[in-house]
N, C-alpha and C. Protein backbone atom coordinates (compact mmCIF):
# COMPACT_ATOMS: atom_id res chain seq x y z
N MET A 1 11.74 0.69 20.64
CA MET A 1 10.92 1.57 19.82
C MET A 1 9.56 0.92 19.62
N ARG A 2 8.49 1.69 19.72
CA ARG A 2 7.13 1.21 19.50
C ARG A 2 6.57 1.90 18.27
N THR A 3 5.70 1.20 17.58
CA THR A 3 5.02 1.79 16.43
C THR A 3 3.61 1.24 16.36
N SER A 4 2.71 1.93 15.73
CA SER A 4 1.34 1.46 15.58
C SER A 4 1.27 0.50 14.41
N LEU A 5 0.47 -0.55 14.57
CA LEU A 5 0.28 -1.54 13.53
C LEU A 5 -0.85 -1.07 12.62
N MET A 6 -0.57 -1.03 11.33
CA MET A 6 -1.60 -0.64 10.38
C MET A 6 -2.34 -1.89 9.93
N SER A 7 -3.63 -1.81 9.87
CA SER A 7 -4.43 -2.94 9.43
C SER A 7 -4.43 -3.00 7.92
N SER A 8 -4.42 -4.22 7.39
CA SER A 8 -4.46 -4.38 5.94
C SER A 8 -5.89 -4.58 5.45
N GLU A 9 -6.86 -4.46 6.37
CA GLU A 9 -8.25 -4.62 5.98
C GLU A 9 -8.70 -3.44 5.14
N ARG A 10 -9.51 -3.73 4.15
CA ARG A 10 -10.04 -2.67 3.30
C ARG A 10 -11.18 -1.96 4.02
N ILE A 11 -11.24 -0.66 3.87
CA ILE A 11 -12.33 0.13 4.44
C ILE A 11 -13.33 0.37 3.33
N ILE A 12 -14.54 -0.09 3.56
CA ILE A 12 -15.59 0.05 2.55
C ILE A 12 -16.53 1.15 3.02
N PRO A 13 -16.67 2.23 2.23
CA PRO A 13 -17.54 3.33 2.65
C PRO A 13 -18.98 2.86 2.78
N THR A 14 -19.69 3.39 3.78
CA THR A 14 -21.09 3.02 3.97
C THR A 14 -22.02 3.89 3.13
N GLU A 15 -21.52 5.03 2.67
CA GLU A 15 -22.30 5.91 1.82
C GLU A 15 -21.56 6.10 0.50
N PRO A 16 -22.30 6.31 -0.58
CA PRO A 16 -21.62 6.54 -1.85
C PRO A 16 -20.69 7.75 -1.76
N VAL A 17 -19.52 7.60 -2.29
CA VAL A 17 -18.54 8.68 -2.27
C VAL A 17 -18.60 9.38 -3.63
N PRO A 18 -18.80 10.69 -3.63
CA PRO A 18 -18.83 11.39 -4.92
C PRO A 18 -17.47 11.26 -5.60
N LYS A 19 -17.49 11.13 -6.92
CA LYS A 19 -16.25 10.98 -7.67
C LYS A 19 -15.76 12.34 -8.14
N PRO A 20 -14.84 12.94 -7.39
CA PRO A 20 -14.25 14.19 -7.89
C PRO A 20 -13.32 13.86 -9.04
N GLU A 21 -12.92 14.85 -9.76
CA GLU A 21 -11.97 14.63 -10.84
C GLU A 21 -10.73 13.98 -10.24
N ASP A 22 -10.38 12.86 -10.76
CA ASP A 22 -9.24 12.10 -10.28
C ASP A 22 -7.95 12.74 -10.78
N THR A 23 -7.03 12.99 -9.87
CA THR A 23 -5.75 13.59 -10.23
C THR A 23 -5.02 12.73 -11.25
N LEU A 24 -5.14 11.41 -11.11
CA LEU A 24 -4.45 10.52 -12.05
C LEU A 24 -4.99 10.66 -13.47
N THR A 25 -6.28 10.92 -13.60
CA THR A 25 -6.84 11.08 -14.94
C THR A 25 -6.50 12.43 -15.54
N GLN A 26 -6.19 13.40 -14.66
CA GLN A 26 -5.82 14.73 -15.15
C GLN A 26 -4.37 14.78 -15.62
N MET A 27 -3.56 13.81 -15.17
CA MET A 27 -2.14 13.81 -15.59
C MET A 27 -2.04 13.41 -17.05
N SER A 28 -1.09 13.99 -17.73
CA SER A 28 -0.84 13.57 -19.11
C SER A 28 -0.21 12.18 -19.08
N HIS A 29 -0.27 11.49 -20.19
CA HIS A 29 0.32 10.15 -20.30
C HIS A 29 1.81 10.17 -19.94
N PRO A 30 2.61 11.10 -20.50
CA PRO A 30 4.04 11.14 -20.14
C PRO A 30 4.27 11.43 -18.65
N GLU A 31 3.43 12.28 -18.05
CA GLU A 31 3.57 12.57 -16.61
C GLU A 31 3.31 11.32 -15.78
N PHE A 32 2.27 10.56 -16.14
CA PHE A 32 1.95 9.35 -15.41
C PHE A 32 3.08 8.33 -15.54
N ILE A 33 3.59 8.15 -16.75
CA ILE A 33 4.69 7.20 -16.98
C ILE A 33 5.91 7.62 -16.18
N ALA A 34 6.23 8.91 -16.16
CA ALA A 34 7.39 9.40 -15.40
C ALA A 34 7.20 9.17 -13.91
N GLY A 35 6.00 9.40 -13.39
CA GLY A 35 5.72 9.16 -11.98
C GLY A 35 5.82 7.69 -11.63
N TRP A 36 5.29 6.84 -12.51
CA TRP A 36 5.37 5.38 -12.30
C TRP A 36 6.84 4.94 -12.27
N LYS A 37 7.59 5.45 -13.23
CA LYS A 37 9.01 5.10 -13.32
C LYS A 37 9.76 5.56 -12.07
N ALA A 38 9.39 6.71 -11.52
CA ALA A 38 10.04 7.20 -10.30
C ALA A 38 9.75 6.27 -9.12
N LEU A 39 8.55 5.70 -9.06
CA LEU A 39 8.18 4.79 -7.98
C LEU A 39 8.77 3.40 -8.15
N VAL A 40 8.69 2.88 -9.36
CA VAL A 40 9.01 1.47 -9.62
C VAL A 40 10.41 1.27 -10.17
N GLY A 41 10.92 2.28 -10.86
CA GLY A 41 12.25 2.15 -11.45
C GLY A 41 12.22 1.81 -12.92
N GLU A 42 11.05 1.53 -13.45
CA GLU A 42 10.90 1.24 -14.88
C GLU A 42 9.48 1.60 -15.30
N PRO A 43 9.25 1.82 -16.59
CA PRO A 43 7.90 2.15 -17.04
C PRO A 43 6.97 0.94 -16.86
N PRO A 44 5.66 1.17 -16.81
CA PRO A 44 4.74 0.03 -16.65
C PRO A 44 4.83 -0.92 -17.84
N ALA A 45 4.71 -2.22 -17.54
CA ALA A 45 4.74 -3.23 -18.60
C ALA A 45 3.48 -3.16 -19.46
N ALA A 46 2.37 -2.76 -18.85
CA ALA A 46 1.11 -2.62 -19.57
C ALA A 46 0.34 -1.46 -18.96
N MET A 47 -0.41 -0.79 -19.78
CA MET A 47 -1.24 0.32 -19.30
C MET A 47 -2.68 -0.16 -19.20
N LEU A 48 -3.31 0.07 -18.05
CA LEU A 48 -4.73 -0.18 -17.90
C LEU A 48 -5.46 1.13 -18.14
N GLU A 49 -6.72 1.02 -18.51
CA GLU A 49 -7.50 2.24 -18.75
C GLU A 49 -7.68 3.03 -17.44
N ASP A 50 -7.81 2.30 -16.33
CA ASP A 50 -8.02 2.92 -15.02
C ASP A 50 -6.67 3.04 -14.31
N ARG A 51 -6.12 4.24 -14.27
CA ARG A 51 -4.81 4.46 -13.65
C ARG A 51 -4.86 4.21 -12.15
N SER A 52 -5.98 4.52 -11.52
CA SER A 52 -6.13 4.25 -10.08
C SER A 52 -6.01 2.75 -9.81
N LYS A 53 -6.56 1.95 -10.70
CA LYS A 53 -6.46 0.49 -10.53
C LYS A 53 -5.01 0.04 -10.67
N MET A 54 -4.26 0.68 -11.55
CA MET A 54 -2.84 0.34 -11.70
C MET A 54 -2.09 0.60 -10.40
N ILE A 55 -2.37 1.75 -9.77
CA ILE A 55 -1.71 2.09 -8.51
C ILE A 55 -2.14 1.11 -7.43
N ARG A 56 -3.43 0.76 -7.40
CA ARG A 56 -3.94 -0.19 -6.42
C ARG A 56 -3.24 -1.54 -6.55
N VAL A 57 -3.10 -2.03 -7.78
CA VAL A 57 -2.43 -3.31 -8.03
C VAL A 57 -0.96 -3.22 -7.59
N LEU A 58 -0.31 -2.10 -7.88
CA LEU A 58 1.08 -1.90 -7.46
C LEU A 58 1.22 -1.97 -5.94
N VAL A 59 0.34 -1.26 -5.23
CA VAL A 59 0.41 -1.24 -3.77
C VAL A 59 0.12 -2.62 -3.20
N GLU A 60 -0.89 -3.29 -3.73
CA GLU A 60 -1.25 -4.62 -3.21
C GLU A 60 -0.18 -5.66 -3.49
N SER A 61 0.63 -5.47 -4.52
CA SER A 61 1.66 -6.45 -4.86
C SER A 61 3.01 -6.13 -4.23
N THR A 62 3.09 -5.01 -3.51
CA THR A 62 4.34 -4.62 -2.88
C THR A 62 4.43 -5.25 -1.50
N PRO A 63 5.51 -5.98 -1.20
CA PRO A 63 5.62 -6.59 0.13
C PRO A 63 5.75 -5.54 1.22
N ILE A 64 5.30 -5.90 2.40
CA ILE A 64 5.39 -5.00 3.55
C ILE A 64 6.84 -4.92 3.98
N ALA A 65 7.32 -3.71 4.23
CA ALA A 65 8.71 -3.51 4.63
C ALA A 65 8.95 -4.12 6.01
N PRO A 66 10.13 -4.71 6.21
CA PRO A 66 10.43 -5.29 7.53
C PRO A 66 10.51 -4.21 8.60
N LEU A 67 10.21 -4.59 9.81
CA LEU A 67 10.21 -3.66 10.93
C LEU A 67 11.57 -3.66 11.62
N GLU A 68 12.60 -3.24 10.91
CA GLU A 68 13.94 -3.19 11.46
C GLU A 68 14.02 -2.13 12.55
N GLY A 69 14.60 -2.48 13.70
CA GLY A 69 14.77 -1.53 14.78
C GLY A 69 13.53 -1.30 15.61
N VAL A 70 12.47 -2.07 15.35
CA VAL A 70 11.23 -1.94 16.11
C VAL A 70 11.08 -3.19 16.96
N ASP A 71 10.89 -3.00 18.26
CA ASP A 71 10.77 -4.13 19.18
C ASP A 71 9.33 -4.63 19.32
N GLU A 72 8.38 -3.71 19.27
CA GLU A 72 6.98 -4.08 19.40
C GLU A 72 6.12 -3.09 18.63
N VAL A 73 4.94 -3.55 18.28
CA VAL A 73 3.97 -2.69 17.62
C VAL A 73 2.72 -2.63 18.49
N VAL A 74 1.92 -1.62 18.30
CA VAL A 74 0.72 -1.45 19.12
C VAL A 74 -0.49 -1.53 18.20
N GLU A 75 -1.42 -2.41 18.58
CA GLU A 75 -2.69 -2.51 17.87
C GLU A 75 -3.78 -2.29 18.91
N GLY A 76 -4.42 -1.14 18.85
CA GLY A 76 -5.39 -0.78 19.89
C GLY A 76 -4.66 -0.58 21.19
N ASP A 77 -5.04 -1.32 22.23
CA ASP A 77 -4.40 -1.22 23.54
C ASP A 77 -3.36 -2.32 23.75
N GLN A 78 -3.15 -3.15 22.74
CA GLN A 78 -2.29 -4.32 22.90
C GLN A 78 -0.93 -4.09 22.25
N ALA A 79 0.15 -4.35 22.99
CA ALA A 79 1.51 -4.30 22.45
C ALA A 79 1.88 -5.71 22.01
N ILE A 80 2.34 -5.85 20.78
CA ILE A 80 2.67 -7.16 20.22
C ILE A 80 4.16 -7.18 19.91
N PRO A 81 4.90 -8.17 20.45
CA PRO A 81 6.33 -8.27 20.11
C PRO A 81 6.49 -8.52 18.61
N VAL A 82 7.44 -7.86 17.99
CA VAL A 82 7.66 -8.01 16.55
C VAL A 82 7.99 -9.45 16.20
N GLN A 83 8.71 -10.14 17.08
CA GLN A 83 9.09 -11.53 16.79
C GLN A 83 7.87 -12.40 16.54
N SER A 84 6.78 -12.19 17.29
CA SER A 84 5.57 -13.00 17.08
C SER A 84 4.92 -12.65 15.74
N LEU A 85 5.03 -11.40 15.31
CA LEU A 85 4.50 -11.02 13.99
C LEU A 85 5.30 -11.70 12.88
N ARG A 86 6.63 -11.72 13.04
CA ARG A 86 7.47 -12.38 12.03
C ARG A 86 7.16 -13.86 11.95
N SER A 87 6.95 -14.51 13.09
CA SER A 87 6.64 -15.93 13.11
C SER A 87 5.30 -16.19 12.40
N SER A 88 4.32 -15.31 12.65
CA SER A 88 3.01 -15.45 12.01
C SER A 88 3.13 -15.25 10.50
N ALA A 89 3.94 -14.28 10.09
CA ALA A 89 4.11 -14.01 8.65
C ALA A 89 4.78 -15.19 7.96
N LYS A 90 5.79 -15.78 8.60
CA LYS A 90 6.47 -16.94 8.00
C LYS A 90 5.52 -18.12 7.87
N ALA A 91 4.63 -18.30 8.85
CA ALA A 91 3.68 -19.40 8.80
C ALA A 91 2.70 -19.22 7.65
N LEU A 92 2.37 -17.98 7.33
CA LEU A 92 1.43 -17.71 6.24
C LEU A 92 2.05 -17.86 4.86
N SER A 93 3.38 -17.70 4.77
CA SER A 93 4.01 -17.74 3.45
C SER A 93 4.40 -19.14 3.04
């Protein structure tokens, strides 16, 4: 099985992005807590004023799922064996 490798690099917009009404700010406090609990399994330990930042911190602190059943990944035109990715990840940790 092959899959595409997602880059963990942040994409920084070159032009200012207009700030539409954020869905997270439109949610009521109980709705946000219920959604968080559905994702994490428990309510947040602390509430930040910026709910988007809370989600960002959650995503950044979540480990990448193992590639079970995948033999290689594709990055651009290059196929990379999963074993070499695992070895690189172990070296970094």
